[in-house]
Amino acid sequence: MRGWRIILILLALSAMPSTAALAVAPQVIVCIQCHAAQPGRLSKPVTLWQTSIHSDHGIACNACHGGDPMNAANSMSPASGFLGVPPPTSIPALCGGCHMGVTKHYMNSAHGIALGRGGPTCVTCHGSHAIVSASLALIDKKNCSSCHTFDKALMIRKAMVKTDRMLKAIEKRITVLKSQGIETDPLEMKLFSLRNRFHAMFHSLDVTLIRQESAHIQAEIEKTNGAGGVGTGHLVGVLAIGWALLAALLFSLIKKNID
């Protein structure tokens, strides 16, 4: 009987979810709770935010508007950092607080030079509440030609297509590896870094720089693919040995119990 108890314990442990997989109950954000219950335009920001990339990643109202999202009494208090509607001139620095590297490129660009004089800010292209993910789809004739011709924007988009495709391929690869139970944290960190660098350089609007940086990023992706392939193969081998040892142990215990 002791042998069977050990087997059951091992099986139970193998079936338990990892700590990372355990869901954490979301906290109630008073800004969303209050505005969602309001009529008309006051509830619209919540409806739009719920469709955004910020919502997908748990980034709530206070990230941009300040205030205390957990305390109704202090939610709109200047003492708790409430900003209300940020002025257009402060938006690039505000967004750059999370999106590293973007502000410097933007401020040195034609867009940044026109800041405060009718020039576009982050929300012009990405939206204010229904924030859309950075992608080449944003560089289209409808968006860009509302202020100027589409010629230069098209050149920029063409210079970025190959790198964008390569980054998406790594993202798909990570999804496959995860489904196989393989550790992907180093690869995800590398993808995060390369993607941020890729998105940041676009805001320079400098075609020459974008082409040069795209070439460098592509070279980094090739290195990552090579290193990742070796690491993944090694890890699969380790996992295979681990499962073989566990199977041998279970077989030994079962045989001993039967004998």
C-alpha atoms as a PDB file:
ATOM      1  CA  MET A   1       0.000   0.000   0.000  1.00  0.00           C
ATOM      2  CA  ARG A   2       2.898   2.353   0.751  1.00  0.00           C
ATOM      3  CA  GLY A   3       4.046   2.021  -2.876  1.00  0.00           C
ATOM      4  CA  TRP A   4       0.629   3.046  -4.184  1.00  0.00           C
ATOM      5  CA  ARG A   5       0.566   6.077  -1.864  1.00  0.00           C
ATOM      6  CA  ILE A   6       3.871   7.277  -3.289  1.00  0.00           C
ATOM      7  CA  ILE A   7       2.551   6.815  -6.847  1.00  0.00           C
ATOM      8  CA  LEU A   8      -0.602   8.809  -6.068  1.00  0.00           C
ATOM      9  CA  ILE A   9       1.450  11.621  -4.504  1.00  0.00           C
ATOM     10  CA  LEU A  10       3.713  11.819  -7.575  1.00  0.00           C
ATOM     11  CA  LEU A  11       0.734  11.885  -9.925  1.00  0.00           C
ATOM     12  CA  ALA A  12      -0.970  14.580  -7.847  1.00  0.00           C
ATOM     13  CA  LEU A  13       2.154  16.744  -7.867  1.00  0.00           C
ATOM     14  CA  SER A  14       2.551  16.401 -11.636  1.00  0.00           C
ATOM     15  CA  ALA A  15      -1.073  17.486 -12.128  1.00  0.00           C
ATOM     16  CA  MET A  16      -0.837  20.581  -9.916  1.00  0.00           C
ATOM     17  CA  PRO A  17      -0.706  23.935 -11.750  1.00  0.00           C
ATOM     18  CA  SER A  18       2.388  26.069 -11.355  1.00  0.00           C
ATOM     19  CA  THR A  19       2.257  29.170  -9.162  1.00  0.00           C
ATOM     20  CA  ALA A  20       2.406  31.372 -12.285  1.00  0.00           C
ATOM     21  CA  ALA A  21      -0.687  29.715 -13.675  1.00  0.00           C
ATOM     22  CA  LEU A  22      -2.838  30.419 -10.618  1.00  0.00           C
ATOM     23  CA  ALA A  23      -5.350  33.181 -11.383  1.00  0.00           C
ATOM     24  CA  VAL A  24      -5.418  36.227  -9.124  1.00  0.00           C
ATOM     25  CA  ALA A  25      -8.782  37.881  -8.552  1.00  0.00           C
ATOM     26  CA  PRO A  26      -8.749  41.357 -10.146  1.00  0.00           C
ATOM     27  CA  GLN A  27      -9.095  44.341  -7.819  1.00  0.00           C
ATOM     28  CA  VAL A  28     -12.083  46.671  -8.165  1.00  0.00           C
ATOM     29  CA  ILE A  29     -11.043  49.951  -9.813  1.00  0.00           C
ATOM     30  CA  VAL A  30     -13.365  52.690  -8.574  1.00  0.00           C
ATOM     31  CA  CYS A  31     -12.857  54.867 -11.694  1.00  0.00           C
ATOM     32  CA  ILE A  32     -14.246  52.113 -13.925  1.00  0.00           C
ATOM     33  CA  GLN A  33     -16.935  51.112 -11.444  1.00  0.00           C
ATOM     34  CA  CYS A  34     -18.232  54.686 -11.167  1.00  0.00           C
ATOM     35  CA  HIS A  35     -17.974  55.773 -14.806  1.00  0.00           C
ATOM     36  CA  ALA A  36     -19.479  52.535 -16.146  1.00  0.00           C
ATOM     37  CA  ALA A  37     -22.660  53.344 -14.196  1.00  0.00           C
ATOM     38  CA  GLN A  38     -22.899  56.901 -15.579  1.00  0.00           C
ATOM     39  CA  PRO A  39     -25.150  57.865 -18.511  1.00  0.00           C
ATOM     40  CA  GLY A  40     -23.989  58.944 -21.980  1.00  0.00           C
ATOM     41  CA  ARG A  41     -20.566  60.460 -22.512  1.00  0.00           C
ATOM     42  CA  LEU A  42     -19.385  59.776 -18.949  1.00  0.00           C
ATOM     43  CA  SER A  43     -19.498  55.999 -19.476  1.00  0.00           C
ATOM     44  CA  LYS A  44     -18.050  56.101 -23.005  1.00  0.00           C
ATOM     45  CA  PRO A  45     -14.381  56.165 -21.896  1.00  0.00           C
ATOM     46  CA  VAL A  46     -14.901  52.864 -20.046  1.00  0.00           C
ATOM     47  CA  THR A  47     -16.585  51.246 -23.058  1.00  0.00           C
ATOM     48  CA  LEU A  48     -13.720  52.358 -25.303  1.00  0.00           C
ATOM     49  CA  TRP A  49     -11.019  51.348 -22.786  1.00  0.00           C
ATOM     50  CA  GLN A  50     -12.466  47.822 -22.547  1.00  0.00           C
ATOM     51  CA  THR A  51     -11.569  47.284 -26.231  1.00  0.00           C
ATOM     52  CA  SER A  52      -8.017  48.608 -25.836  1.00  0.00           C
ATOM     53  CA  ILE A  53      -4.566  47.066 -25.595  1.00  0.00           C
ATOM     54  CA  HIS A  54      -4.253  48.798 -22.200  1.00  0.00           C
ATOM     55  CA  SER A  55      -7.254  46.857 -20.897  1.00  0.00           C
ATOM     56  CA  ASP A  56      -5.769  43.606 -22.231  1.00  0.00           C
ATOM     57  CA  HIS A  57      -2.654  44.213 -20.124  1.00  0.00           C
ATOM     58  CA  GLY A  58      -4.427  45.468 -16.997  1.00  0.00           C
ATOM     59  CA  ILE A  59      -3.415  49.118 -17.440  1.00  0.00           C
ATOM     60  CA  ALA A  60      -6.212  51.206 -15.947  1.00  0.00           C
ATOM     61  CA  CYS A  61      -7.293  54.865 -15.770  1.00  0.00           C
ATOM     62  CA  ASN A  62      -4.783  55.973 -13.134  1.00  0.00           C
ATOM     63  CA  ALA A  63      -1.813  55.128 -15.393  1.00  0.00           C
ATOM     64  CA  CYS A  64      -2.654  58.195 -17.502  1.00  0.00           C
ATOM     65  CA  HIS A  65      -5.026  60.255 -15.341  1.00  0.00           C
ATOM     66  CA  GLY A  66      -3.428  59.714 -11.928  1.00  0.00           C
ATOM     67  CA  GLY A  67      -5.431  59.487  -8.714  1.00  0.00           C
ATOM     68  CA  ASP A  68      -6.079  56.552  -6.408  1.00  0.00           C
ATOM     69  CA  PRO A  69      -7.925  53.808  -8.347  1.00  0.00           C
ATOM     70  CA  MET A  70      -8.759  51.859  -5.178  1.00  0.00           C
ATOM     71  CA  ASN A  71     -10.180  54.646  -3.017  1.00  0.00           C
ATOM     72  CA  ALA A  72     -13.308  56.529  -4.124  1.00  0.00           C
ATOM     73  CA  ALA A  73     -12.645  59.430  -1.742  1.00  0.00           C
ATOM     74  CA  ASN A  74      -9.133  60.048  -3.150  1.00  0.00           C
ATOM     75  CA  SER A  75      -9.678  58.884  -6.721  1.00  0.00           C
ATOM     76  CA  MET A  76      -9.793  62.466  -8.052  1.00  0.00           C
ATOM     77  CA  SER A  77      -7.649  64.154  -5.428  1.00  0.00           C
ATOM     78  CA  PRO A  78      -4.656  66.223  -6.622  1.00  0.00           C
ATOM     79  CA  ALA A  79      -2.884  64.995  -3.483  1.00  0.00           C
ATOM     80  CA  SER A  80      -3.008  61.451  -4.902  1.00  0.00           C
ATOM     81  CA  GLY A  81      -1.657  62.647  -8.251  1.00  0.00           C
ATOM     82  CA  PHE A  82      -4.918  63.127 -10.150  1.00  0.00           C
ATOM     83  CA  LEU A  83      -4.254  64.850 -13.492  1.00  0.00           C
ATOM     84  CA  GLY A  84      -7.652  64.746 -15.152  1.00  0.00           C
ATOM     85  CA  VAL A  85      -7.224  65.276 -18.894  1.00  0.00           C
ATOM     86  CA  PRO A  86      -3.482  65.625 -19.660  1.00  0.00           C
ATOM     87  CA  PRO A  87      -2.665  68.673 -21.853  1.00  0.00           C
ATOM     88  CA  PRO A  88      -1.515  67.714 -25.376  1.00  0.00           C
ATOM     89  CA  THR A  89       2.016  68.996 -24.790  1.00  0.00           C
ATOM     90  CA  SER A  90       2.507  66.587 -21.862  1.00  0.00           C
ATOM     91  CA  ILE A  91       1.208  63.471 -23.663  1.00  0.00           C
ATOM     92  CA  PRO A  92       4.508  62.320 -25.302  1.00  0.00           C
ATOM     93  CA  ALA A  93       6.371  62.399 -21.952  1.00  0.00           C
ATOM     94  CA  LEU A  94       3.440  60.742 -20.181  1.00  0.00           C
ATOM     95  CA  CYS A  95       3.286  57.856 -22.681  1.00  0.00           C
ATOM     96  CA  GLY A  96       7.082  57.670 -22.774  1.00  0.00           C
ATOM     97  CA  GLY A  97       7.077  56.886 -19.057  1.00  0.00           C
ATOM     98  CA  CYS A  98       6.048  53.331 -19.992  1.00  0.00           C
ATOM     99  CA  HIS A  99       7.030  53.155 -23.663  1.00  0.00           C
ATOM    100  CA  MET A 100      10.771  53.603 -23.296  1.00  0.00           C
ATOM    101  CA  GLY A 101      12.740  55.205 -26.103  1.00  0.00           C
ATOM    102  CA  VAL A 102       9.738  56.607 -27.958  1.00  0.00           C
ATOM    103  CA  THR A 103       9.771  60.155 -26.550  1.00  0.00           C
ATOM    104  CA  LYS A 104      13.316  60.983 -27.681  1.00  0.00           C
ATOM    105  CA  HIS A 105      12.670  59.813 -31.254  1.00  0.00           C
ATOM    106  CA  TYR A 106       9.308  61.576 -31.365  1.00  0.00           C
ATOM    107  CA  MET A 107      10.579  64.929 -29.992  1.00  0.00           C
ATOM    108  CA  ASN A 108      13.347  65.055 -32.613  1.00  0.00           C
ATOM    109  CA  SER A 109      10.922  64.302 -35.450  1.00  0.00           C
ATOM    110  CA  ALA A 110       8.764  66.626 -37.537  1.00  0.00           C
ATOM    111  CA  HIS A 111       5.810  65.520 -35.383  1.00  0.00           C
ATOM    112  CA  GLY A 112       7.595  66.463 -32.150  1.00  0.00           C
ATOM    113  CA  ILE A 113       8.828  69.792 -33.501  1.00  0.00           C
ATOM    114  CA  ALA A 114       5.189  70.681 -34.263  1.00  0.00           C
ATOM    115  CA  LEU A 115       4.038  69.728 -30.734  1.00  0.00           C
ATOM    116  CA  GLY A 116       1.853  72.493 -29.320  1.00  0.00           C
ATOM    117  CA  ARG A 117       1.347  73.978 -32.771  1.00  0.00           C
ATOM    118  CA  GLY A 118      -1.215  71.506 -34.075  1.00  0.00           C
ATOM    119  CA  GLY A 119       1.219  68.617 -34.490  1.00  0.00           C
ATOM    120  CA  PRO A 120       0.079  65.055 -33.771  1.00  0.00           C
ATOM    121  CA  THR A 121       0.643  63.406 -30.401  1.00  0.00           C
ATOM    122  CA  CYS A 122       0.494  59.733 -29.409  1.00  0.00           C
ATOM    123  CA  VAL A 123      -3.311  59.772 -29.116  1.00  0.00           C
ATOM    124  CA  THR A 124      -3.661  61.126 -32.662  1.00  0.00           C
ATOM    125  CA  CYS A 125      -2.589  57.760 -34.083  1.00  0.00           C
ATOM    126  CA  HIS A 126      -3.097  55.324 -31.183  1.00  0.00           C
ATOM    127  CA  GLY A 127      -6.315  56.718 -29.693  1.00  0.00           C
ATOM    128  CA  SER A 128      -6.959  58.061 -26.201  1.00  0.00           C
ATOM    129  CA  HIS A 129      -9.160  55.400 -24.569  1.00  0.00           C
ATOM    130  CA  ALA A 130      -9.572  52.712 -27.247  1.00  0.00           C
ATOM    131  CA  ILE A 131      -5.770  52.450 -27.437  1.00  0.00           C
ATOM    132  CA  VAL A 132      -4.719  50.296 -30.375  1.00  0.00           C
ATOM    133  CA  SER A 133      -1.586  48.191 -30.461  1.00  0.00           C
ATOM    134  CA  ALA A 134       1.399  49.535 -32.387  1.00  0.00           C
ATOM    135  CA  SER A 135       1.424  47.969 -35.833  1.00  0.00           C
ATOM    136  CA  LEU A 136       2.158  48.769 -39.466  1.00  0.00           C
ATOM    137  CA  ALA A 137      -1.601  48.949 -40.014  1.00  0.00           C
ATOM    138  CA  LEU A 138      -1.532  52.399 -38.378  1.00  0.00           C
ATOM    139  CA  ILE A 139       0.661  53.695 -41.187  1.00  0.00           C
ATOM    140  CA  ASP A 140      -2.054  53.964 -43.813  1.00  0.00           C
ATOM    141  CA  LYS A 141      -3.232  56.545 -46.305  1.00  0.00           C
ATOM    142  CA  LYS A 142      -6.326  57.493 -44.315  1.00  0.00           C
ATOM    143  CA  ASN A 143      -4.395  58.301 -41.134  1.00  0.00           C
ATOM    144  CA  CYS A 144      -1.319  59.943 -42.612  1.00  0.00           C
ATOM    145  CA  SER A 145      -2.838  61.915 -45.498  1.00  0.00           C
ATOM    146  CA  SER A 146      -5.129  63.809 -43.120  1.00  0.00           C
ATOM    147  CA  CYS A 147      -2.094  66.033 -42.386  1.00  0.00           C
ATOM    148  CA  HIS A 148       0.273  65.542 -45.346  1.00  0.00           C
ATOM    149  CA  THR A 149       0.870  63.340 -48.389  1.00  0.00           C
ATOM    150  CA  PHE A 150       1.302  59.606 -47.889  1.00  0.00           C
ATOM    151  CA  ASP A 151       4.542  59.285 -49.913  1.00  0.00           C
ATOM    152  CA  LYS A 152       7.080  59.384 -47.053  1.00  0.00           C
ATOM    153  CA  ALA A 153       4.872  57.345 -44.733  1.00  0.00           C
ATOM    154  CA  LEU A 154       4.667  54.627 -47.397  1.00  0.00           C
ATOM    155  CA  MET A 155       8.478  54.572 -47.688  1.00  0.00           C
ATOM    156  CA  ILE A 156       8.725  54.132 -43.908  1.00  0.00           C
ATOM    157  CA  ARG A 157       6.191  51.309 -43.872  1.00  0.00           C
ATOM    158  CA  LYS A 158       7.992  49.457 -46.684  1.00  0.00           C
ATOM    159  CA  ALA A 159      11.279  49.780 -44.766  1.00  0.00           C
ATOM    160  CA  MET A 160       9.684  48.106 -41.744  1.00  0.00           C
ATOM    161  CA  VAL A 161       7.755  45.222 -43.342  1.00  0.00           C
ATOM    162  CA  LYS A 162      10.492  42.558 -43.236  1.00  0.00           C
ATOM    163  CA  THR A 163      11.447  43.255 -39.603  1.00  0.00           C
ATOM    164  CA  ASP A 164       7.795  43.249 -38.570  1.00  0.00           C
ATOM    165  CA  ARG A 165       7.311  39.853 -40.215  1.00  0.00           C
ATOM    166  CA  MET A 166      10.362  38.426 -38.430  1.00  0.00           C
ATOM    167  CA  LEU A 167       9.176  39.668 -35.015  1.00  0.00           C
ATOM    168  CA  LYS A 168       5.760  38.108 -35.569  1.00  0.00           C
ATOM    169  CA  ALA A 169       7.444  34.805 -36.487  1.00  0.00           C
ATOM    170  CA  ILE A 170       9.286  34.802 -33.123  1.00  0.00           C
ATOM    171  CA  GLU A 171       6.006  35.533 -31.342  1.00  0.00           C
ATOM    172  CA  LYS A 172       4.366  32.511 -33.014  1.00  0.00           C
ATOM    173  CA  ARG A 173       7.381  30.380 -32.140  1.00  0.00           C
ATOM    174  CA  ILE A 174       7.067  31.343 -28.471  1.00  0.00           C
ATOM    175  CA  THR A 175       3.382  30.341 -28.512  1.00  0.00           C
ATOM    176  CA  VAL A 176       4.289  26.908 -29.901  1.00  0.00           C
ATOM    177  CA  LEU A 177       7.083  26.380 -27.359  1.00  0.00           C
ATOM    178  CA  LYS A 178       4.762  27.359 -24.502  1.00  0.00           C
ATOM    179  CA  SER A 179       2.164  24.849 -25.685  1.00  0.00           C
ATOM    180  CA  GLN A 180       4.896  22.184 -25.412  1.00  0.00           C
ATOM    181  CA  GLY A 181       5.661  23.184 -21.817  1.00  0.00           C
ATOM    182  CA  ILE A 182       9.040  24.677 -22.698  1.00  0.00           C
ATOM    183  CA  GLU A 183      10.458  27.636 -20.755  1.00  0.00           C
ATOM    184  CA  THR A 184      10.332  30.766 -22.949  1.00  0.00           C
ATOM    185  CA  ASP A 185      11.153  33.622 -20.565  1.00  0.00           C
ATOM    186  CA  PRO A 186      14.592  34.480 -22.067  1.00  0.00           C
ATOM    187  CA  LEU A 187      13.152  34.457 -25.588  1.00  0.00           C
ATOM    188  CA  GLU A 188      10.181  36.591 -24.509  1.00  0.00           C
ATOM    189  CA  MET A 189      12.487  39.143 -22.887  1.00  0.00           C
ATOM    190  CA  LYS A 190      14.550  39.341 -26.059  1.00  0.00           C
ATOM    191  CA  LEU A 191      11.417  39.762 -28.188  1.00  0.00           C
ATOM    192  CA  PHE A 192      10.149  42.496 -25.848  1.00  0.00           C
ATOM    193  CA  SER A 193      13.437  44.393 -26.153  1.00  0.00           C
ATOM    194  CA  LEU A 194      13.659  44.102 -29.947  1.00  0.00           C
ATOM    195  CA  ARG A 195      10.019  45.019 -30.476  1.00  0.00           C
ATOM    196  CA  ASN A 196      10.322  48.125 -28.282  1.00  0.00           C
ATOM    197  CA  ARG A 197      13.420  49.200 -30.171  1.00  0.00           C
ATOM    198  CA  PHE A 198      11.616  48.580 -33.466  1.00  0.00           C
ATOM    199  CA  HIS A 199       8.510  50.576 -32.522  1.00  0.00           C
ATOM    200  CA  ALA A 200      10.513  53.411 -30.952  1.00  0.00           C
ATOM    201  CA  MET A 201      12.660  54.099 -34.019  1.00  0.00           C
ATOM    202  CA  PHE A 202       9.591  54.542 -36.242  1.00  0.00           C
ATOM    203  CA  HIS A 203       8.705  57.711 -34.336  1.00  0.00           C
ATOM    204  CA  SER A 204      11.875  59.370 -35.659  1.00  0.00           C
ATOM    205  CA  LEU A 205      10.254  59.456 -39.136  1.00  0.00           C
ATOM    206  CA  ASP A 206      13.830  59.268 -40.472  1.00  0.00           C
ATOM    207  CA  VAL A 207      13.763  56.829 -43.396  1.00  0.00           C
ATOM    208  CA  THR A 208      17.551  56.355 -43.448  1.00  0.00           C
ATOM    209  CA  LEU A 209      17.707  55.655 -39.714  1.00  0.00           C
ATOM    210  CA  ILE A 210      14.753  53.280 -39.915  1.00  0.00           C
ATOM    211  CA  ARG A 211      16.427  51.290 -42.702  1.00  0.00           C
ATOM    212  CA  GLN A 212      19.729  51.093 -40.788  1.00  0.00           C
ATOM    213  CA  GLU A 213      18.093  50.110 -37.499  1.00  0.00           C
ATOM    214  CA  SER A 214      15.847  47.581 -39.246  1.00  0.00           C
ATOM    215  CA  ALA A 215      18.953  45.871 -40.628  1.00  0.00           C
ATOM    216  CA  HIS A 216      20.531  45.757 -37.139  1.00  0.00           C
ATOM    217  CA  ILE A 217      17.360  44.376 -35.561  1.00  0.00           C
ATOM    218  CA  GLN A 218      17.069  41.734 -38.275  1.00  0.00           C
ATOM    219  CA  ALA A 219      20.640  40.649 -37.501  1.00  0.00           C
ATOM    220  CA  GLU A 220      19.745  40.406 -33.789  1.00  0.00           C
ATOM    221  CA  ILE A 221      16.688  38.314 -34.648  1.00  0.00           C
ATOM    222  CA  GLU A 222      18.857  35.924 -36.673  1.00  0.00           C
ATOM    223  CA  LYS A 223      21.199  35.542 -33.678  1.00  0.00           C
ATOM    224  CA  THR A 224      18.220  34.947 -31.392  1.00  0.00           C
ATOM    225  CA  ASN A 225      16.865  32.272 -33.724  1.00  0.00           C
ATOM    226  CA  GLY A 226      20.211  30.480 -33.724  1.00  0.00           C
ATOM    227  CA  ALA A 227      20.712  30.654 -29.968  1.00  0.00           C
ATOM    228  CA  GLY A 228      17.080  29.837 -29.302  1.00  0.00           C
ATOM    229  CA  GLY A 229      17.239  26.742 -31.486  1.00  0.00           C
ATOM    230  CA  VAL A 230      20.188  25.317 -29.543  1.00  0.00           C
ATOM    231  CA  GLY A 231      18.662  26.200 -26.170  1.00  0.00           C
ATOM    232  CA  THR A 232      15.308  24.688 -27.049  1.00  0.00           C
ATOM    233  CA  GLY A 233      16.865  21.430 -28.259  1.00  0.00           C
ATOM    234  CA  HIS A 234      18.872  21.127 -25.066  1.00  0.00           C
ATOM    235  CA  LEU A 235      15.797  21.793 -22.936  1.00  0.00           C
ATOM    236  CA  VAL A 236      13.704  19.224 -24.795  1.00  0.00           C
ATOM    237  CA  GLY A 237      16.448  16.665 -24.145  1.00  0.00           C
ATOM    238  CA  VAL A 238      16.499  17.488 -20.424  1.00  0.00           C
ATOM    239  CA  LEU A 239      12.714  17.202 -20.215  1.00  0.00           C
ATOM    240  CA  ALA A 240      12.772  13.866 -22.044  1.00  0.00           C
ATOM    241  CA  ILE A 241      15.348  12.476 -19.606  1.00  0.00           C
ATOM    242  CA  GLY A 242      13.295  13.754 -16.654  1.00  0.00           C
ATOM    243  CA  TRP A 243      10.120  12.055 -17.864  1.00  0.00           C
ATOM    244  CA  ALA A 244      12.046   8.835 -18.573  1.00  0.00           C
ATOM    245  CA  LEU A 245      13.406   8.801 -15.013  1.00  0.00           C
ATOM    246  CA  LEU A 246       9.943   9.455 -13.573  1.00  0.00           C
ATOM    247  CA  ALA A 247       8.458   6.657 -15.698  1.00  0.00           C
ATOM    248  CA  ALA A 248      11.207   4.276 -14.545  1.00  0.00           C
ATOM    249  CA  LEU A 249      10.520   5.186 -10.915  1.00  0.00           C
ATOM    250  CA  LEU A 250       6.792   4.595 -11.292  1.00  0.00           C
ATOM    251  CA  PHE A 251       7.406   1.270 -13.048  1.00  0.00           C
ATOM    252  CA  SER A 252       9.784   0.188 -10.266  1.00  0.00           C
ATOM    253  CA  LEU A 253       7.262   1.078  -7.559  1.00  0.00           C
ATOM    254  CA  ILE A 254       4.408  -0.690  -9.336  1.00  0.00           C
ATOM    255  CA  LYS A 255       6.555  -3.813  -9.892  1.00  0.00           C
ATOM    256  CA  LYS A 256       7.680  -3.820  -6.257  1.00  0.00           C
ATOM    257  CA  ASN A 257       4.097  -3.489  -5.030  1.00  0.00           C
ATOM    258  CA  ILE A 258       2.920  -6.347  -7.281  1.00  0.00           C
ATOM    259  CA  ASP A 259       5.800  -8.614  -6.202  1.00  0.00           C
END
